[in-house]
Amino acid sequence: SPKTTISAVSVRHRGGDWTNSATVN
């Protein structure tokens, strides 16, 4: 397997859709 790499982080808040903004509260 290739080396583990993270290319993107998405966040889905309760009741919402996936967003590219990696912000949490």
PDBML (XML) file of the C-alpha atoms, coordinates in Angstrom:
<?xml version="1.0" encoding="UTF-8" ?>
<PDBx:datablock datablockName="MODEL"
   xmlns:PDBx="http://pdbml.pdb.org/schema/pdbx-v50.xsd"
   xmlns:xsi="http://www.w3.org/2001/XMLSchema-instance"
   xsi:schemaLocation="http://pdbml.pdb.org/schema/pdbx-v50.xsd pdbx-v50.xsd">
   <PDBx:atom_siteCategory>
      <PDBx:atom_site id="1">
         <PDBx:B_iso_or_equiv>0.00</PDBx:B_iso_or_equiv>
         <PDBx:Cartn_x>0.000</PDBx:Cartn_x>
         <PDBx:Cartn_y>0.000</PDBx:Cartn_y>
         <PDBx:Cartn_z>0.000</PDBx:Cartn_z>
         <PDBx:auth_asym_id>A</PDBx:auth_asym_id>
         <PDBx:auth_atom_id>CA</PDBx:auth_atom_id>
         <PDBx:auth_comp_id>SER</PDBx:auth_comp_id>
         <PDBx:auth_seq_id>1</PDBx:auth_seq_id>
         <PDBx:group_PDB>ATOM</PDBx:group_PDB>
         <PDBx:label_alt_id xsi:nil="true" />
         <PDBx:label_asym_id>A</PDBx:label_asym_id>
         <PDBx:label_atom_id>CA</PDBx:label_atom_id>
         <PDBx:label_comp_id>SER</PDBx:label_comp_id>
         <PDBx:label_entity_id>1</PDBx:label_entity_id>
         <PDBx:label_seq_id>1</PDBx:label_seq_id>
         <PDBx:occupancy>1.00</PDBx:occupancy>
         <PDBx:pdbx_PDB_model_num>1</PDBx:pdbx_PDB_model_num>
         <PDBx:type_symbol>C</PDBx:type_symbol>
      </PDBx:atom_site>
      <PDBx:atom_site id="2">
         <PDBx:B_iso_or_equiv>0.00</PDBx:B_iso_or_equiv>
         <PDBx:Cartn_x>1.129</PDBx:Cartn_x>
         <PDBx:Cartn_y>3.577</PDBx:Cartn_y>
         <PDBx:Cartn_z>-0.548</PDBx:Cartn_z>
         <PDBx:auth_asym_id>A</PDBx:auth_asym_id>
         <PDBx:auth_atom_id>CA</PDBx:auth_atom_id>
         <PDBx:auth_comp_id>PRO</PDBx:auth_comp_id>
         <PDBx:auth_seq_id>2</PDBx:auth_seq_id>
         <PDBx:group_PDB>ATOM</PDBx:group_PDB>
         <PDBx:label_alt_id xsi:nil="true" />
         <PDBx:label_asym_id>A</PDBx:label_asym_id>
         <PDBx:label_atom_id>CA</PDBx:label_atom_id>
         <PDBx:label_comp_id>PRO</PDBx:label_comp_id>
         <PDBx:label_entity_id>1</PDBx:label_entity_id>
         <PDBx:label_seq_id>2</PDBx:label_seq_id>
         <PDBx:occupancy>1.00</PDBx:occupancy>
         <PDBx:pdbx_PDB_model_num>1</PDBx:pdbx_PDB_model_num>
         <PDBx:type_symbol>C</PDBx:type_symbol>
      </PDBx:atom_site>
      <PDBx:atom_site id="3">
         <PDBx:B_iso_or_equiv>0.00</PDBx:B_iso_or_equiv>
         <PDBx:Cartn_x>2.094</PDBx:Cartn_x>
         <PDBx:Cartn_y>5.695</PDBx:Cartn_y>
         <PDBx:Cartn_z>2.416</PDBx:Cartn_z>
         <PDBx:auth_asym_id>A</PDBx:auth_asym_id>
         <PDBx:auth_atom_id>CA</PDBx:auth_atom_id>
         <PDBx:auth_comp_id>LYS</PDBx:auth_comp_id>
         <PDBx:auth_seq_id>3</PDBx:auth_seq_id>
         <PDBx:group_PDB>ATOM</PDBx:group_PDB>
         <PDBx:label_alt_id xsi:nil="true" />
         <PDBx:label_asym_id>A</PDBx:label_asym_id>
         <PDBx:label_atom_id>CA</PDBx:label_atom_id>
         <PDBx:label_comp_id>LYS</PDBx:label_comp_id>
         <PDBx:label_entity_id>1</PDBx:label_entity_id>
         <PDBx:label_seq_id>3</PDBx:label_seq_id>
         <PDBx:occupancy>1.00</PDBx:occupancy>
         <PDBx:pdbx_PDB_model_num>1</PDBx:pdbx_PDB_model_num>
         <PDBx:type_symbol>C</PDBx:type_symbol>
      </PDBx:atom_site>
      <PDBx:atom_site id="4">
         <PDBx:B_iso_or_equiv>0.00</PDBx:B_iso_or_equiv>
         <PDBx:Cartn_x>-0.877</PDBx:Cartn_x>
         <PDBx:Cartn_y>6.960</PDBx:Cartn_y>
         <PDBx:Cartn_z>4.379</PDBx:Cartn_z>
         <PDBx:auth_asym_id>A</PDBx:auth_asym_id>
         <PDBx:auth_atom_id>CA</PDBx:auth_atom_id>
         <PDBx:auth_comp_id>THR</PDBx:auth_comp_id>
         <PDBx:auth_seq_id>4</PDBx:auth_seq_id>
         <PDBx:group_PDB>ATOM</PDBx:group_PDB>
         <PDBx:label_alt_id xsi:nil="true" />
         <PDBx:label_asym_id>A</PDBx:label_asym_id>
         <PDBx:label_atom_id>CA</PDBx:label_atom_id>
         <PDBx:label_comp_id>THR</PDBx:label_comp_id>
         <PDBx:label_entity_id>1</PDBx:label_entity_id>
         <PDBx:label_seq_id>4</PDBx:label_seq_id>
         <PDBx:occupancy>1.00</PDBx:occupancy>
         <PDBx:pdbx_PDB_model_num>1</PDBx:pdbx_PDB_model_num>
         <PDBx:type_symbol>C</PDBx:type_symbol>
      </PDBx:atom_site>
      <PDBx:atom_site id="5">
         <PDBx:B_iso_or_equiv>0.00</PDBx:B_iso_or_equiv>
         <PDBx:Cartn_x>-1.606</PDBx:Cartn_x>
         <PDBx:Cartn_y>10.516</PDBx:Cartn_y>
         <PDBx:Cartn_z>3.306</PDBx:Cartn_z>
         <PDBx:auth_asym_id>A</PDBx:auth_asym_id>
         <PDBx:auth_atom_id>CA</PDBx:auth_atom_id>
         <PDBx:auth_comp_id>THR</PDBx:auth_comp_id>
         <PDBx:auth_seq_id>5</PDBx:auth_seq_id>
         <PDBx:group_PDB>ATOM</PDBx:group_PDB>
         <PDBx:label_alt_id xsi:nil="true" />
         <PDBx:label_asym_id>A</PDBx:label_asym_id>
         <PDBx:label_atom_id>CA</PDBx:label_atom_id>
         <PDBx:label_comp_id>THR</PDBx:label_comp_id>
         <PDBx:label_entity_id>1</PDBx:label_entity_id>
         <PDBx:label_seq_id>5</PDBx:label_seq_id>
         <PDBx:occupancy>1.00</PDBx:occupancy>
         <PDBx:pdbx_PDB_model_num>1</PDBx:pdbx_PDB_model_num>
         <PDBx:type_symbol>C</PDBx:type_symbol>
      </PDBx:atom_site>
      <PDBx:atom_site id="6">
         <PDBx:B_iso_or_equiv>0.00</PDBx:B_iso_or_equiv>
         <PDBx:Cartn_x>-4.554</PDBx:Cartn_x>
         <PDBx:Cartn_y>12.833</PDBx:Cartn_y>
         <PDBx:Cartn_z>3.982</PDBx:Cartn_z>
         <PDBx:auth_asym_id>A</PDBx:auth_asym_id>
         <PDBx:auth_atom_id>CA</PDBx:auth_atom_id>
         <PDBx:auth_comp_id>ILE</PDBx:auth_comp_id>
         <PDBx:auth_seq_id>6</PDBx:auth_seq_id>
         <PDBx:group_PDB>ATOM</PDBx:group_PDB>
         <PDBx:label_alt_id xsi:nil="true" />
         <PDBx:label_asym_id>A</PDBx:label_asym_id>
         <PDBx:label_atom_id>CA</PDBx:label_atom_id>
         <PDBx:label_comp_id>ILE</PDBx:label_comp_id>
         <PDBx:label_entity_id>1</PDBx:label_entity_id>
         <PDBx:label_seq_id>6</PDBx:label_seq_id>
         <PDBx:occupancy>1.00</PDBx:occupancy>
         <PDBx:pdbx_PDB_model_num>1</PDBx:pdbx_PDB_model_num>
         <PDBx:type_symbol>C</PDBx:type_symbol>
      </PDBx:atom_site>
      <PDBx:atom_site id="7">
         <PDBx:B_iso_or_equiv>0.00</PDBx:B_iso_or_equiv>
         <PDBx:Cartn_x>-5.481</PDBx:Cartn_x>
         <PDBx:Cartn_y>15.004</PDBx:Cartn_y>
         <PDBx:Cartn_z>1.027</PDBx:Cartn_z>
         <PDBx:auth_asym_id>A</PDBx:auth_asym_id>
         <PDBx:auth_atom_id>CA</PDBx:auth_atom_id>
         <PDBx:auth_comp_id>SER</PDBx:auth_comp_id>
         <PDBx:auth_seq_id>7</PDBx:auth_seq_id>
         <PDBx:group_PDB>ATOM</PDBx:group_PDB>
         <PDBx:label_alt_id xsi:nil="true" />
         <PDBx:label_asym_id>A</PDBx:label_asym_id>
         <PDBx:label_atom_id>CA</PDBx:label_atom_id>
         <PDBx:label_comp_id>SER</PDBx:label_comp_id>
         <PDBx:label_entity_id>1</PDBx:label_entity_id>
         <PDBx:label_seq_id>7</PDBx:label_seq_id>
         <PDBx:occupancy>1.00</PDBx:occupancy>
         <PDBx:pdbx_PDB_model_num>1</PDBx:pdbx_PDB_model_num>
         <PDBx:type_symbol>C</PDBx:type_symbol>
      </PDBx:atom_site>
      <PDBx:atom_site id="8">
         <PDBx:B_iso_or_equiv>0.00</PDBx:B_iso_or_equiv>
         <PDBx:Cartn_x>-8.763</PDBx:Cartn_x>
         <PDBx:Cartn_y>16.507</PDBx:Cartn_y>
         <PDBx:Cartn_z>2.238</PDBx:Cartn_z>
         <PDBx:auth_asym_id>A</PDBx:auth_asym_id>
         <PDBx:auth_atom_id>CA</PDBx:auth_atom_id>
         <PDBx:auth_comp_id>ALA</PDBx:auth_comp_id>
         <PDBx:auth_seq_id>8</PDBx:auth_seq_id>
         <PDBx:group_PDB>ATOM</PDBx:group_PDB>
         <PDBx:label_alt_id xsi:nil="true" />
         <PDBx:label_asym_id>A</PDBx:label_asym_id>
         <PDBx:label_atom_id>CA</PDBx:label_atom_id>
         <PDBx:label_comp_id>ALA</PDBx:label_comp_id>
         <PDBx:label_entity_id>1</PDBx:label_entity_id>
         <PDBx:label_seq_id>8</PDBx:label_seq_id>
         <PDBx:occupancy>1.00</PDBx:occupancy>
         <PDBx:pdbx_PDB_model_num>1</PDBx:pdbx_PDB_model_num>
         <PDBx:type_symbol>C</PDBx:type_symbol>
      </PDBx:atom_site>
      <PDBx:atom_site id="9">
         <PDBx:B_iso_or_equiv>0.00</PDBx:B_iso_or_equiv>
         <PDBx:Cartn_x>-10.723</PDBx:Cartn_x>
         <PDBx:Cartn_y>16.962</PDBx:Cartn_y>
         <PDBx:Cartn_z>5.472</PDBx:Cartn_z>
         <PDBx:auth_asym_id>A</PDBx:auth_asym_id>
         <PDBx:auth_atom_id>CA</PDBx:auth_atom_id>
         <PDBx:auth_comp_id>VAL</PDBx:auth_comp_id>
         <PDBx:auth_seq_id>9</PDBx:auth_seq_id>
         <PDBx:group_PDB>ATOM</PDBx:group_PDB>
         <PDBx:label_alt_id xsi:nil="true" />
         <PDBx:label_asym_id>A</PDBx:label_asym_id>
         <PDBx:label_atom_id>CA</PDBx:label_atom_id>
         <PDBx:label_comp_id>VAL</PDBx:label_comp_id>
         <PDBx:label_entity_id>1</PDBx:label_entity_id>
         <PDBx:label_seq_id>9</PDBx:label_seq_id>
         <PDBx:occupancy>1.00</PDBx:occupancy>
         <PDBx:pdbx_PDB_model_num>1</PDBx:pdbx_PDB_model_num>
         <PDBx:type_symbol>C</PDBx:type_symbol>
      </PDBx:atom_site>
      <PDBx:atom_site id="10">
         <PDBx:B_iso_or_equiv>0.00</PDBx:B_iso_or_equiv>
         <PDBx:Cartn_x>-14.510</PDBx:Cartn_x>
         <PDBx:Cartn_y>17.493</PDBx:Cartn_y>
         <PDBx:Cartn_z>5.422</PDBx:Cartn_z>
         <PDBx:auth_asym_id>A</PDBx:auth_asym_id>
         <PDBx:auth_atom_id>CA</PDBx:auth_atom_id>
         <PDBx:auth_comp_id>SER</PDBx:auth_comp_id>
         <PDBx:auth_seq_id>10</PDBx:auth_seq_id>
         <PDBx:group_PDB>ATOM</PDBx:group_PDB>
         <PDBx:label_alt_id xsi:nil="true" />
         <PDBx:label_asym_id>A</PDBx:label_asym_id>
         <PDBx:label_atom_id>CA</PDBx:label_atom_id>
         <PDBx:label_comp_id>SER</PDBx:label_comp_id>
         <PDBx:label_entity_id>1</PDBx:label_entity_id>
         <PDBx:label_seq_id>10</PDBx:label_seq_id>
         <PDBx:occupancy>1.00</PDBx:occupancy>
         <PDBx:pdbx_PDB_model_num>1</PDBx:pdbx_PDB_model_num>
         <PDBx:type_symbol>C</PDBx:type_symbol>
      </PDBx:atom_site>
      <PDBx:atom_site id="11">
         <PDBx:B_iso_or_equiv>0.00</PDBx:B_iso_or_equiv>
         <PDBx:Cartn_x>-16.874</PDBx:Cartn_x>
         <PDBx:Cartn_y>18.170</PDBx:Cartn_y>
         <PDBx:Cartn_z>8.306</PDBx:Cartn_z>
         <PDBx:auth_asym_id>A</PDBx:auth_asym_id>
         <PDBx:auth_atom_id>CA</PDBx:auth_atom_id>
         <PDBx:auth_comp_id>VAL</PDBx:auth_comp_id>
         <PDBx:auth_seq_id>11</PDBx:auth_seq_id>
         <PDBx:group_PDB>ATOM</PDBx:group_PDB>
         <PDBx:label_alt_id xsi:nil="true" />
         <PDBx:label_asym_id>A</PDBx:label_asym_id>
         <PDBx:label_atom_id>CA</PDBx:label_atom_id>
         <PDBx:label_comp_id>VAL</PDBx:label_comp_id>
         <PDBx:label_entity_id>1</PDBx:label_entity_id>
         <PDBx:label_seq_id>11</PDBx:label_seq_id>
         <PDBx:occupancy>1.00</PDBx:occupancy>
         <PDBx:pdbx_PDB_model_num>1</PDBx:pdbx_PDB_model_num>
         <PDBx:type_symbol>C</PDBx:type_symbol>
      </PDBx:atom_site>
      <PDBx:atom_site id="12">
         <PDBx:B_iso_or_equiv>0.00</PDBx:B_iso_or_equiv>
         <PDBx:Cartn_x>-20.601</PDBx:Cartn_x>
         <PDBx:Cartn_y>17.529</PDBx:Cartn_y>
         <PDBx:Cartn_z>8.613</PDBx:Cartn_z>
         <PDBx:auth_asym_id>A</PDBx:auth_asym_id>
         <PDBx:auth_atom_id>CA</PDBx:auth_atom_id>
         <PDBx:auth_comp_id>ARG</PDBx:auth_comp_id>
         <PDBx:auth_seq_id>12</PDBx:auth_seq_id>
         <PDBx:group_PDB>ATOM</PDBx:group_PDB>
         <PDBx:label_alt_id xsi:nil="true" />
         <PDBx:label_asym_id>A</PDBx:label_asym_id>
         <PDBx:label_atom_id>CA</PDBx:label_atom_id>
         <PDBx:label_comp_id>ARG</PDBx:label_comp_id>
         <PDBx:label_entity_id>1</PDBx:label_entity_id>
         <PDBx:label_seq_id>12</PDBx:label_seq_id>
         <PDBx:occupancy>1.00</PDBx:occupancy>
         <PDBx:pdbx_PDB_model_num>1</PDBx:pdbx_PDB_model_num>
         <PDBx:type_symbol>C</PDBx:type_symbol>
      </PDBx:atom_site>
      <PDBx:atom_site id="13">
         <PDBx:B_iso_or_equiv>0.00</PDBx:B_iso_or_equiv>
         <PDBx:Cartn_x>-22.414</PDBx:Cartn_x>
         <PDBx:Cartn_y>19.247</PDBx:Cartn_y>
         <PDBx:Cartn_z>11.465</PDBx:Cartn_z>
         <PDBx:auth_asym_id>A</PDBx:auth_asym_id>
         <PDBx:auth_atom_id>CA</PDBx:auth_atom_id>
         <PDBx:auth_comp_id>HIS</PDBx:auth_comp_id>
         <PDBx:auth_seq_id>13</PDBx:auth_seq_id>
         <PDBx:group_PDB>ATOM</PDBx:group_PDB>
         <PDBx:label_alt_id xsi:nil="true" />
         <PDBx:label_asym_id>A</PDBx:label_asym_id>
         <PDBx:label_atom_id>CA</PDBx:label_atom_id>
         <PDBx:label_comp_id>HIS</PDBx:label_comp_id>
         <PDBx:label_entity_id>1</PDBx:label_entity_id>
         <PDBx:label_seq_id>13</PDBx:label_seq_id>
         <PDBx:occupancy>1.00</PDBx:occupancy>
         <PDBx:pdbx_PDB_model_num>1</PDBx:pdbx_PDB_model_num>
         <PDBx:type_symbol>C</PDBx:type_symbol>
      </PDBx:atom_site>
      <PDBx:atom_site id="14">
         <PDBx:B_iso_or_equiv>0.00</PDBx:B_iso_or_equiv>
         <PDBx:Cartn_x>-25.582</PDBx:Cartn_x>
         <PDBx:Cartn_y>17.742</PDBx:Cartn_y>
         <PDBx:Cartn_z>12.945</PDBx:Cartn_z>
         <PDBx:auth_asym_id>A</PDBx:auth_asym_id>
         <PDBx:auth_atom_id>CA</PDBx:auth_atom_id>
         <PDBx:auth_comp_id>ARG</PDBx:auth_comp_id>
         <PDBx:auth_seq_id>14</PDBx:auth_seq_id>
         <PDBx:group_PDB>ATOM</PDBx:group_PDB>
         <PDBx:label_alt_id xsi:nil="true" />
         <PDBx:label_asym_id>A</PDBx:label_asym_id>
         <PDBx:label_atom_id>CA</PDBx:label_atom_id>
         <PDBx:label_comp_id>ARG</PDBx:label_comp_id>
         <PDBx:label_entity_id>1</PDBx:label_entity_id>
         <PDBx:label_seq_id>14</PDBx:label_seq_id>
         <PDBx:occupancy>1.00</PDBx:occupancy>
         <PDBx:pdbx_PDB_model_num>1</PDBx:pdbx_PDB_model_num>
         <PDBx:type_symbol>C</PDBx:type_symbol>
      </PDBx:atom_site>
      <PDBx:atom_site id="15">
         <PDBx:B_iso_or_equiv>0.00</PDBx:B_iso_or_equiv>
         <PDBx:Cartn_x>-28.484</PDBx:Cartn_x>
         <PDBx:Cartn_y>18.170</PDBx:Cartn_y>
         <PDBx:Cartn_z>10.509</PDBx:Cartn_z>
         <PDBx:auth_asym_id>A</PDBx:auth_asym_id>
         <PDBx:auth_atom_id>CA</PDBx:auth_atom_id>
         <PDBx:auth_comp_id>GLY</PDBx:auth_comp_id>
         <PDBx:auth_seq_id>15</PDBx:auth_seq_id>
         <PDBx:group_PDB>ATOM</PDBx:group_PDB>
         <PDBx:label_alt_id xsi:nil="true" />
         <PDBx:label_asym_id>A</PDBx:label_asym_id>
         <PDBx:label_atom_id>CA</PDBx:label_atom_id>
         <PDBx:label_comp_id>GLY</PDBx:label_comp_id>
         <PDBx:label_entity_id>1</PDBx:label_entity_id>
         <PDBx:label_seq_id>15</PDBx:label_seq_id>
         <PDBx:occupancy>1.00</PDBx:occupancy>
         <PDBx:pdbx_PDB_model_num>1</PDBx:pdbx_PDB_model_num>
         <PDBx:type_symbol>C</PDBx:type_symbol>
      </PDBx:atom_site>
      <PDBx:atom_site id="16">
         <PDBx:B_iso_or_equiv>0.00</PDBx:B_iso_or_equiv>
         <PDBx:Cartn_x>-26.260</PDBx:Cartn_x>
         <PDBx:Cartn_y>19.645</PDBx:Cartn_y>
         <PDBx:Cartn_z>7.769</PDBx:Cartn_z>
         <PDBx:auth_asym_id>A</PDBx:auth_asym_id>
         <PDBx:auth_atom_id>CA</PDBx:auth_atom_id>
         <PDBx:auth_comp_id>GLY</PDBx:auth_comp_id>
         <PDBx:auth_seq_id>16</PDBx:auth_seq_id>
         <PDBx:group_PDB>ATOM</PDBx:group_PDB>
         <PDBx:label_alt_id xsi:nil="true" />
         <PDBx:label_asym_id>A</PDBx:label_asym_id>
         <PDBx:label_atom_id>CA</PDBx:label_atom_id>
         <PDBx:label_comp_id>GLY</PDBx:label_comp_id>
         <PDBx:label_entity_id>1</PDBx:label_entity_id>
         <PDBx:label_seq_id>16</PDBx:label_seq_id>
         <PDBx:occupancy>1.00</PDBx:occupancy>
         <PDBx:pdbx_PDB_model_num>1</PDBx:pdbx_PDB_model_num>
         <PDBx:type_symbol>C</PDBx:type_symbol>
      </PDBx:atom_site>
      <PDBx:atom_site id="17">
         <PDBx:B_iso_or_equiv>0.00</PDBx:B_iso_or_equiv>
         <PDBx:Cartn_x>-24.346</PDBx:Cartn_x>
         <PDBx:Cartn_y>18.580</PDBx:Cartn_y>
         <PDBx:Cartn_z>4.685</PDBx:Cartn_z>
         <PDBx:auth_asym_id>A</PDBx:auth_asym_id>
         <PDBx:auth_atom_id>CA</PDBx:auth_atom_id>
         <PDBx:auth_comp_id>ASP</PDBx:auth_comp_id>
         <PDBx:auth_seq_id>17</PDBx:auth_seq_id>
         <PDBx:group_PDB>ATOM</PDBx:group_PDB>
         <PDBx:label_alt_id xsi:nil="true" />
         <PDBx:label_asym_id>A</PDBx:label_asym_id>
         <PDBx:label_atom_id>CA</PDBx:label_atom_id>
         <PDBx:label_comp_id>ASP</PDBx:label_comp_id>
         <PDBx:label_entity_id>1</PDBx:label_entity_id>
         <PDBx:label_seq_id>17</PDBx:label_seq_id>
         <PDBx:occupancy>1.00</PDBx:occupancy>
         <PDBx:pdbx_PDB_model_num>1</PDBx:pdbx_PDB_model_num>
         <PDBx:type_symbol>C</PDBx:type_symbol>
      </PDBx:atom_site>
      <PDBx:atom_site id="18">
         <PDBx:B_iso_or_equiv>0.00</PDBx:B_iso_or_equiv>
         <PDBx:Cartn_x>-20.661</PDBx:Cartn_x>
         <PDBx:Cartn_y>17.910</PDBx:Cartn_y>
         <PDBx:Cartn_z>4.170</PDBx:Cartn_z>
         <PDBx:auth_asym_id>A</PDBx:auth_asym_id>
         <PDBx:auth_atom_id>CA</PDBx:auth_atom_id>
         <PDBx:auth_comp_id>TRP</PDBx:auth_comp_id>
         <PDBx:auth_seq_id>18</PDBx:auth_seq_id>
         <PDBx:group_PDB>ATOM</PDBx:group_PDB>
         <PDBx:label_alt_id xsi:nil="true" />
         <PDBx:label_asym_id>A</PDBx:label_asym_id>
         <PDBx:label_atom_id>CA</PDBx:label_atom_id>
         <PDBx:label_comp_id>TRP</PDBx:label_comp_id>
         <PDBx:label_entity_id>1</PDBx:label_entity_id>
         <PDBx:label_seq_id>18</PDBx:label_seq_id>
         <PDBx:occupancy>1.00</PDBx:occupancy>
         <PDBx:pdbx_PDB_model_num>1</PDBx:pdbx_PDB_model_num>
         <PDBx:type_symbol>C</PDBx:type_symbol>
      </PDBx:atom_site>
      <PDBx:atom_site id="19">
         <PDBx:B_iso_or_equiv>0.00</PDBx:B_iso_or_equiv>
         <PDBx:Cartn_x>-18.554</PDBx:Cartn_x>
         <PDBx:Cartn_y>21.074</PDBx:Cartn_y>
         <PDBx:Cartn_z>3.940</PDBx:Cartn_z>
         <PDBx:auth_asym_id>A</PDBx:auth_asym_id>
         <PDBx:auth_atom_id>CA</PDBx:auth_atom_id>
         <PDBx:auth_comp_id>THR</PDBx:auth_comp_id>
         <PDBx:auth_seq_id>19</PDBx:auth_seq_id>
         <PDBx:group_PDB>ATOM</PDBx:group_PDB>
         <PDBx:label_alt_id xsi:nil="true" />
         <PDBx:label_asym_id>A</PDBx:label_asym_id>
         <PDBx:label_atom_id>CA</PDBx:label_atom_id>
         <PDBx:label_comp_id>THR</PDBx:label_comp_id>
         <PDBx:label_entity_id>1</PDBx:label_entity_id>
         <PDBx:label_seq_id>19</PDBx:label_seq_id>
         <PDBx:occupancy>1.00</PDBx:occupancy>
         <PDBx:pdbx_PDB_model_num>1</PDBx:pdbx_PDB_model_num>
         <PDBx:type_symbol>C</PDBx:type_symbol>
      </PDBx:atom_site>
      <PDBx:atom_site id="20">
         <PDBx:B_iso_or_equiv>0.00</PDBx:B_iso_or_equiv>
         <PDBx:Cartn_x>-14.915</PDBx:Cartn_x>
         <PDBx:Cartn_y>21.628</PDBx:Cartn_y>
         <PDBx:Cartn_z>3.047</PDBx:Cartn_z>
         <PDBx:auth_asym_id>A</PDBx:auth_asym_id>
         <PDBx:auth_atom_id>CA</PDBx:auth_atom_id>
         <PDBx:auth_comp_id>ASN</PDBx:auth_comp_id>
         <PDBx:auth_seq_id>20</PDBx:auth_seq_id>
         <PDBx:group_PDB>ATOM</PDBx:group_PDB>
         <PDBx:label_alt_id xsi:nil="true" />
         <PDBx:label_asym_id>A</PDBx:label_asym_id>
         <PDBx:label_atom_id>CA</PDBx:label_atom_id>
         <PDBx:label_comp_id>ASN</PDBx:label_comp_id>
         <PDBx:label_entity_id>1</PDBx:label_entity_id>
         <PDBx:label_seq_id>20</PDBx:label_seq_id>
         <PDBx:occupancy>1.00</PDBx:occupancy>
         <PDBx:pdbx_PDB_model_num>1</PDBx:pdbx_PDB_model_num>
         <PDBx:type_symbol>C</PDBx:type_symbol>
      </PDBx:atom_site>
      <PDBx:atom_site id="21">
         <PDBx:B_iso_or_equiv>0.00</PDBx:B_iso_or_equiv>
         <PDBx:Cartn_x>-14.524</PDBx:Cartn_x>
         <PDBx:Cartn_y>23.966</PDBx:Cartn_y>
         <PDBx:Cartn_z>6.026</PDBx:Cartn_z>
         <PDBx:auth_asym_id>A</PDBx:auth_asym_id>
         <PDBx:auth_atom_id>CA</PDBx:auth_atom_id>
         <PDBx:auth_comp_id>SER</PDBx:auth_comp_id>
         <PDBx:auth_seq_id>21</PDBx:auth_seq_id>
         <PDBx:group_PDB>ATOM</PDBx:group_PDB>
         <PDBx:label_alt_id xsi:nil="true" />
         <PDBx:label_asym_id>A</PDBx:label_asym_id>
         <PDBx:label_atom_id>CA</PDBx:label_atom_id>
         <PDBx:label_comp_id>SER</PDBx:label_comp_id>
         <PDBx:label_entity_id>1</PDBx:label_entity_id>
         <PDBx:label_seq_id>21</PDBx:label_seq_id>
         <PDBx:occupancy>1.00</PDBx:occupancy>
         <PDBx:pdbx_PDB_model_num>1</PDBx:pdbx_PDB_model_num>
         <PDBx:type_symbol>C</PDBx:type_symbol>
      </PDBx:atom_site>
      <PDBx:atom_site id="22">
         <PDBx:B_iso_or_equiv>0.00</PDBx:B_iso_or_equiv>
         <PDBx:Cartn_x>-12.637</PDBx:Cartn_x>
         <PDBx:Cartn_y>22.022</PDBx:Cartn_y>
         <PDBx:Cartn_z>8.717</PDBx:Cartn_z>
         <PDBx:auth_asym_id>A</PDBx:auth_asym_id>
         <PDBx:auth_atom_id>CA</PDBx:auth_atom_id>
         <PDBx:auth_comp_id>ALA</PDBx:auth_comp_id>
         <PDBx:auth_seq_id>22</PDBx:auth_seq_id>
         <PDBx:group_PDB>ATOM</PDBx:group_PDB>
         <PDBx:label_alt_id xsi:nil="true" />
         <PDBx:label_asym_id>A</PDBx:label_asym_id>
         <PDBx:label_atom_id>CA</PDBx:label_atom_id>
         <PDBx:label_comp_id>ALA</PDBx:label_comp_id>
         <PDBx:label_entity_id>1</PDBx:label_entity_id>
         <PDBx:label_seq_id>22</PDBx:label_seq_id>
         <PDBx:occupancy>1.00</PDBx:occupancy>
         <PDBx:pdbx_PDB_model_num>1</PDBx:pdbx_PDB_model_num>
         <PDBx:type_symbol>C</PDBx:type_symbol>
      </PDBx:atom_site>
      <PDBx:atom_site id="23">
         <PDBx:B_iso_or_equiv>0.00</PDBx:B_iso_or_equiv>
         <PDBx:Cartn_x>-14.016</PDBx:Cartn_x>
         <PDBx:Cartn_y>24.121</PDBx:Cartn_y>
         <PDBx:Cartn_z>11.573</PDBx:Cartn_z>
         <PDBx:auth_asym_id>A</PDBx:auth_asym_id>
         <PDBx:auth_atom_id>CA</PDBx:auth_atom_id>
         <PDBx:auth_comp_id>THR</PDBx:auth_comp_id>
         <PDBx:auth_seq_id>23</PDBx:auth_seq_id>
         <PDBx:group_PDB>ATOM</PDBx:group_PDB>
         <PDBx:label_alt_id xsi:nil="true" />
         <PDBx:label_asym_id>A</PDBx:label_asym_id>
         <PDBx:label_atom_id>CA</PDBx:label_atom_id>
         <PDBx:label_comp_id>THR</PDBx:label_comp_id>
         <PDBx:label_entity_id>1</PDBx:label_entity_id>
         <PDBx:label_seq_id>23</PDBx:label_seq_id>
         <PDBx:occupancy>1.00</PDBx:occupancy>
         <PDBx:pdbx_PDB_model_num>1</PDBx:pdbx_PDB_model_num>
         <PDBx:type_symbol>C</PDBx:type_symbol>
      </PDBx:atom_site>
      <PDBx:atom_site id="24">
         <PDBx:B_iso_or_equiv>0.00</PDBx:B_iso_or_equiv>
         <PDBx:Cartn_x>-15.780</PDBx:Cartn_x>
         <PDBx:Cartn_y>22.746</PDBx:Cartn_y>
         <PDBx:Cartn_z>14.636</PDBx:Cartn_z>
         <PDBx:auth_asym_id>A</PDBx:auth_asym_id>
         <PDBx:auth_atom_id>CA</PDBx:auth_atom_id>
         <PDBx:auth_comp_id>VAL</PDBx:auth_comp_id>
         <PDBx:auth_seq_id>24</PDBx:auth_seq_id>
         <PDBx:group_PDB>ATOM</PDBx:group_PDB>
         <PDBx:label_alt_id xsi:nil="true" />
         <PDBx:label_asym_id>A</PDBx:label_asym_id>
         <PDBx:label_atom_id>CA</PDBx:label_atom_id>
         <PDBx:label_comp_id>VAL</PDBx:label_comp_id>
         <PDBx:label_entity_id>1</PDBx:label_entity_id>
         <PDBx:label_seq_id>24</PDBx:label_seq_id>
         <PDBx:occupancy>1.00</PDBx:occupancy>
         <PDBx:pdbx_PDB_model_num>1</PDBx:pdbx_PDB_model_num>
         <PDBx:type_symbol>C</PDBx:type_symbol>
      </PDBx:atom_site>
      <PDBx:atom_site id="25">
         <PDBx:B_iso_or_equiv>0.00</PDBx:B_iso_or_equiv>
         <PDBx:Cartn_x>-17.369</PDBx:Cartn_x>
         <PDBx:Cartn_y>24.321</PDBx:Cartn_y>
         <PDBx:Cartn_z>17.688</PDBx:Cartn_z>
         <PDBx:auth_asym_id>A</PDBx:auth_asym_id>
         <PDBx:auth_atom_id>CA</PDBx:auth_atom_id>
         <PDBx:auth_comp_id>ASN</PDBx:auth_comp_id>
         <PDBx:auth_seq_id>25</PDBx:auth_seq_id>
         <PDBx:group_PDB>ATOM</PDBx:group_PDB>
         <PDBx:label_alt_id xsi:nil="true" />
         <PDBx:label_asym_id>A</PDBx:label_asym_id>
         <PDBx:label_atom_id>CA</PDBx:label_atom_id>
         <PDBx:label_comp_id>ASN</PDBx:label_comp_id>
         <PDBx:label_entity_id>1</PDBx:label_entity_id>
         <PDBx:label_seq_id>25</PDBx:label_seq_id>
         <PDBx:occupancy>1.00</PDBx:occupancy>
         <PDBx:pdbx_PDB_model_num>1</PDBx:pdbx_PDB_model_num>
         <PDBx:type_symbol>C</PDBx:type_symbol>
      </PDBx:atom_site>
   </PDBx:atom_siteCategory>
</PDBx:datablock>
